[in-house]
Amino acid sequence: MELHMEVRETPLSKIKADLKMFAQRERKRLSFPFALRMFLLTPGFQFVFSLRLQEMAARIPLIGRLLRRIIWWASCLCFSSEIAIGATVGGGFYTPHPFGIVVGTATIGRDVTILQNVTIGRTSPDSERDAIIGDGVRIYAGAAVLGAITLGRNAVVAANSVVLKDVPDDCVAIGAPATIRPRKSAPTSTAAQPSELLPSASQDV
């Protein structure tokens, strides 16, 4: 399964993409007042921004690794969510409710949405790697993505689903364990529209 992911992103370019995604999802124009509200009053964006601060801190000579771990530790305490230091997260990351999220050393592409109480991890300590999450993927509340699997571009994981196998591009994983279904319509862009309903494991998508 081919995975389309950006590899040349700086922390600053990721922050710009994050702001753009939050503006799209709120149907707002990306402006200075909007950005100020994101930085000061929006927990979801603050959680994402803490990831970017970690990336910037890691570039500081000598004390970078320690400083990154301190920022990571503080974000875990503040949001009760954990994204492993070894994880890679692309720009346009959208977490509107950043609580109860646990992500191992996964590789996460651009314009990915993760809602509350999502787990992305290994099925055992002997697993070869964590999951690879493609561009434009949406993972809804309470879902679990387990094992060395790949979620293809624009895939959707319905709420409370448990995904144990690869999900192709533009498909939906629904149920526990999840079954794979084609999406009714492919998106015109990787950014999900705010008017879309949140699917659950008990409803069709």
Protein backbone atom coordinates (compact mmCIF):
# COMPACT_ATOMS: atom_id res chain seq x y z
CA MET A 1 0.00 0.00 0.00
CA GLU A 2 1.54 3.28 -1.10
CA LEU A 3 1.55 6.02 1.51
CA HIS A 4 1.59 9.67 0.50
CA MET A 5 3.23 11.70 3.25
CA GLU A 6 5.23 14.88 3.38
CA VAL A 7 8.77 14.38 4.67
CA ARG A 8 10.21 17.90 4.51
CA GLU A 9 8.29 19.83 7.13
CA THR A 10 9.76 22.17 9.70
CA PRO A 11 8.07 22.74 13.08
CA LEU A 12 7.04 26.23 11.93
CA SER A 13 5.48 24.95 8.71
CA LYS A 14 3.60 22.35 10.76
CA ILE A 15 2.26 25.04 13.10
CA LYS A 16 0.97 27.00 10.10
CA ALA A 17 -0.70 23.86 8.75
CA ASP A 18 -2.19 23.13 12.20
CA LEU A 19 -3.68 26.62 12.41
CA LYS A 20 -5.07 26.30 8.90
CA MET A 21 -6.73 22.99 9.75
CA PHE A 22 -8.33 24.33 12.94
CA ALA A 23 -9.62 27.35 10.98
CA GLN A 24 -11.08 25.07 8.31
CA ARG A 25 -12.84 22.91 10.85
CA GLU A 26 -14.33 25.95 12.58
CA ARG A 27 -15.21 27.61 9.26
CA LYS A 28 -13.19 30.65 10.26
CA ARG A 29 -10.75 32.82 8.37
CA LEU A 30 -7.17 32.32 9.49
CA SER A 31 -6.40 35.68 11.10
CA PHE A 32 -4.33 37.05 13.97
CA PRO A 33 -7.30 37.12 16.44
CA PHE A 34 -8.14 33.53 15.49
CA ALA A 35 -4.53 32.43 15.97
CA LEU A 36 -4.38 34.22 19.33
CA ARG A 37 -7.49 32.38 20.50
CA MET A 38 -5.95 29.08 19.42
CA PHE A 39 -2.74 29.67 21.36
CA LEU A 40 -4.39 31.04 24.52
CA LEU A 41 -7.85 29.52 24.84
CA THR A 42 -8.12 26.32 22.79
CA PRO A 43 -6.95 23.12 24.53
CA GLY A 44 -7.00 21.11 21.32
CA PHE A 45 -4.61 23.44 19.57
CA GLN A 46 -2.49 23.84 22.70
CA PHE A 47 -1.99 20.08 22.78
CA VAL A 48 -0.89 20.06 19.13
CA PHE A 49 1.35 23.06 19.74
CA SER A 50 3.05 21.20 22.60
CA LEU A 51 4.12 18.59 20.03
CA ARG A 52 5.68 21.31 17.90
CA LEU A 53 7.45 22.78 20.93
CA GLN A 54 8.94 19.36 21.57
CA GLU A 55 10.21 19.19 18.00
CA MET A 56 11.80 22.63 18.29
CA ALA A 57 13.31 21.86 21.70
CA ALA A 58 14.92 18.69 20.36
CA ARG A 59 17.02 20.82 17.98
CA ILE A 60 18.70 22.71 20.82
CA PRO A 61 22.27 21.51 21.37
CA LEU A 62 23.15 19.69 24.61
CA ILE A 63 19.93 20.30 26.54
CA GLY A 64 17.45 19.63 23.72
CA ARG A 65 16.59 16.04 24.59
CA LEU A 66 16.04 16.87 28.25
CA LEU A 67 13.96 19.94 27.44
CA ARG A 68 11.83 17.96 25.02
CA ARG A 69 11.12 15.34 27.66
CA ILE A 70 10.13 18.02 30.18
CA ILE A 71 7.66 19.54 27.68
CA TRP A 72 6.32 16.06 26.90
CA TRP A 73 5.89 15.30 30.62
CA ALA A 74 4.05 18.60 31.19
CA SER A 75 1.69 18.00 28.27
CA CYS A 76 0.88 14.51 29.59
CA LEU A 77 -0.05 15.97 32.98
CA CYS A 78 -2.03 18.87 31.51
CA PHE A 79 -4.11 16.96 28.95
CA SER A 80 -4.10 13.38 30.29
CA SER A 81 -2.98 12.37 26.82
CA GLU A 82 0.30 10.94 25.61
CA ILE A 83 1.93 10.90 22.20
CA ALA A 84 5.24 9.10 22.43
CA ILE A 85 8.39 11.13 21.94
CA GLY A 86 9.37 8.76 19.14
CA ALA A 87 6.16 9.40 17.17
CA THR A 88 6.22 11.43 13.95
CA VAL A 89 3.25 13.77 13.44
CA GLY A 90 2.73 15.72 10.20
CA GLY A 91 1.27 19.20 9.84
CA GLY A 92 -2.44 19.89 9.94
CA PHE A 93 -2.93 17.71 13.02
CA TYR A 94 -6.45 18.18 14.43
CA THR A 95 -7.38 17.08 17.96
CA PRO A 96 -10.41 19.13 19.08
CA HIS A 97 -10.78 17.18 22.34
CA PRO A 98 -7.25 16.20 23.42
CA PHE A 99 -8.12 13.96 26.34
CA GLY A 100 -7.48 10.27 26.86
CA ILE A 101 -5.40 9.96 23.68
CA VAL A 102 -2.53 7.44 23.77
CA VAL A 103 -0.25 7.11 20.75
CA GLY A 104 2.90 5.02 20.60
CA THR A 105 5.78 5.52 18.21
CA ALA A 106 3.44 5.76 15.24
CA THR A 107 4.03 7.64 12.01
CA ILE A 108 1.16 10.09 11.42
CA GLY A 109 0.75 11.92 8.11
CA ARG A 110 -0.64 15.33 7.25
CA ASP A 111 -4.17 16.60 7.97
CA VAL A 112 -5.00 13.78 10.36
CA THR A 113 -7.89 14.03 12.83
CA ILE A 114 -7.82 12.16 16.14
CA LEU A 115 -10.64 12.52 18.66
CA GLN A 116 -10.76 11.76 22.38
CA ASN A 117 -9.94 8.38 23.96
CA VAL A 118 -8.16 7.03 20.88
CA THR A 119 -5.41 4.45 21.30
CA ILE A 120 -2.75 3.78 18.67
CA GLY A 121 -0.24 1.18 19.81
CA ARG A 122 1.22 -2.29 19.55
CA THR A 123 -0.46 -5.62 20.17
CA SER A 124 2.60 -6.86 22.09
CA PRO A 125 6.07 -5.65 23.12
CA ASP A 126 7.49 -7.83 20.33
CA SER A 127 5.61 -6.00 17.53
CA GLU A 128 7.99 -4.76 14.84
CA ARG A 129 6.52 -1.23 14.81
CA ASP A 130 3.48 0.88 15.59
CA ALA A 131 0.90 1.88 13.03
CA ILE A 132 1.43 4.14 10.03
CA ILE A 133 -1.39 6.65 9.65
CA GLY A 134 -1.74 8.12 6.15
CA ASP A 135 -2.61 11.65 5.10
CA GLY A 136 -6.18 12.79 5.73
CA VAL A 137 -7.10 9.91 8.05
CA ARG A 138 -9.85 10.49 10.62
CA ILE A 139 -9.98 8.40 13.80
CA TYR A 140 -13.12 8.96 15.85
CA ALA A 141 -13.73 8.77 19.60
CA GLY A 142 -12.84 5.62 21.50
CA ALA A 143 -11.24 3.83 18.56
CA ALA A 144 -8.17 1.60 18.88
CA VAL A 145 -5.62 1.03 16.11
CA LEU A 146 -3.39 -1.84 17.18
CA GLY A 147 -0.37 -3.50 15.62
CA ALA A 148 2.01 -2.89 12.75
CA ILE A 149 -0.73 -1.87 10.33
CA THR A 150 -1.24 0.94 7.84
CA LEU A 151 -4.25 3.22 7.49
CA GLY A 152 -4.31 4.47 3.89
CA ARG A 153 -4.90 7.98 2.66
CA ASN A 154 -8.29 9.44 3.69
CA ALA A 155 -9.28 6.31 5.61
CA VAL A 156 -11.86 6.65 8.39
CA VAL A 157 -11.97 4.70 11.66
CA ALA A 158 -15.44 4.82 13.18
CA ALA A 159 -16.00 5.51 16.87
CA ASN A 160 -15.27 2.63 19.26
CA SER A 161 -13.86 0.47 16.47
CA VAL A 162 -10.87 -1.83 16.98
CA VAL A 163 -8.64 -1.97 13.90
CA LEU A 164 -6.27 -4.94 13.63
CA LYS A 165 -5.51 -4.98 9.90
CA ASP A 166 -4.58 -2.57 7.12
CA VAL A 167 -7.21 -0.16 5.84
CA PRO A 168 -6.88 0.80 2.15
CA ASP A 169 -7.13 4.36 0.84
CA ASP A 170 -10.62 5.93 1.01
CA CYS A 171 -12.12 3.13 3.10
CA VAL A 172 -13.92 2.94 6.44
CA ALA A 173 -13.04 0.62 9.31
CA ILE A 174 -16.06 -0.01 11.51
CA GLY A 175 -16.80 -2.42 14.36
CA ALA A 176 -14.85 -4.46 16.90
CA PRO A 177 -12.95 -6.11 15.36
CA ALA A 178 -13.27 -3.72 12.45
CA THR A 179 -14.52 -4.68 9.03
CA ILE A 180 -13.46 -2.67 5.98
CA ARG A 181 -15.97 -0.91 3.75
CA PRO A 182 -15.49 1.51 0.86
CA ARG A 183 -16.48 5.09 1.59
CA LYS A 184 -19.68 6.26 -0.09
CA SER A 185 -17.81 9.17 -1.64
CA ALA A 186 -14.15 10.05 -1.76
CA PRO A 187 -13.27 13.46 -0.28
CA THR A 188 -12.19 16.31 -2.51
CA SER A 189 -9.36 17.16 -0.09
CA THR A 190 -7.65 15.64 2.93
CA ALA A 191 -9.28 18.19 5.24
CA ALA A 192 -12.53 16.82 6.65
CA GLN A 193 -15.45 19.17 6.55
CA PRO A 194 -16.85 20.35 9.90
CA SER A 195 -20.41 19.49 8.93
CA GLU A 196 -19.64 15.77 8.66
CA LEU A 197 -21.29 13.55 11.24
CA LEU A 198 -19.10 11.55 13.56
CA PRO A 199 -19.59 7.86 12.72
CA SER A 200 -19.79 5.19 15.36
CA ALA A 201 -19.37 1.44 15.32
CA SER A 202 -23.15 1.06 15.39
CA GLN A 203 -24.01 3.22 12.37
CA ASP A 204 -23.26 3.12 8.68
CA VAL A 205 -20.82 5.64 7.22
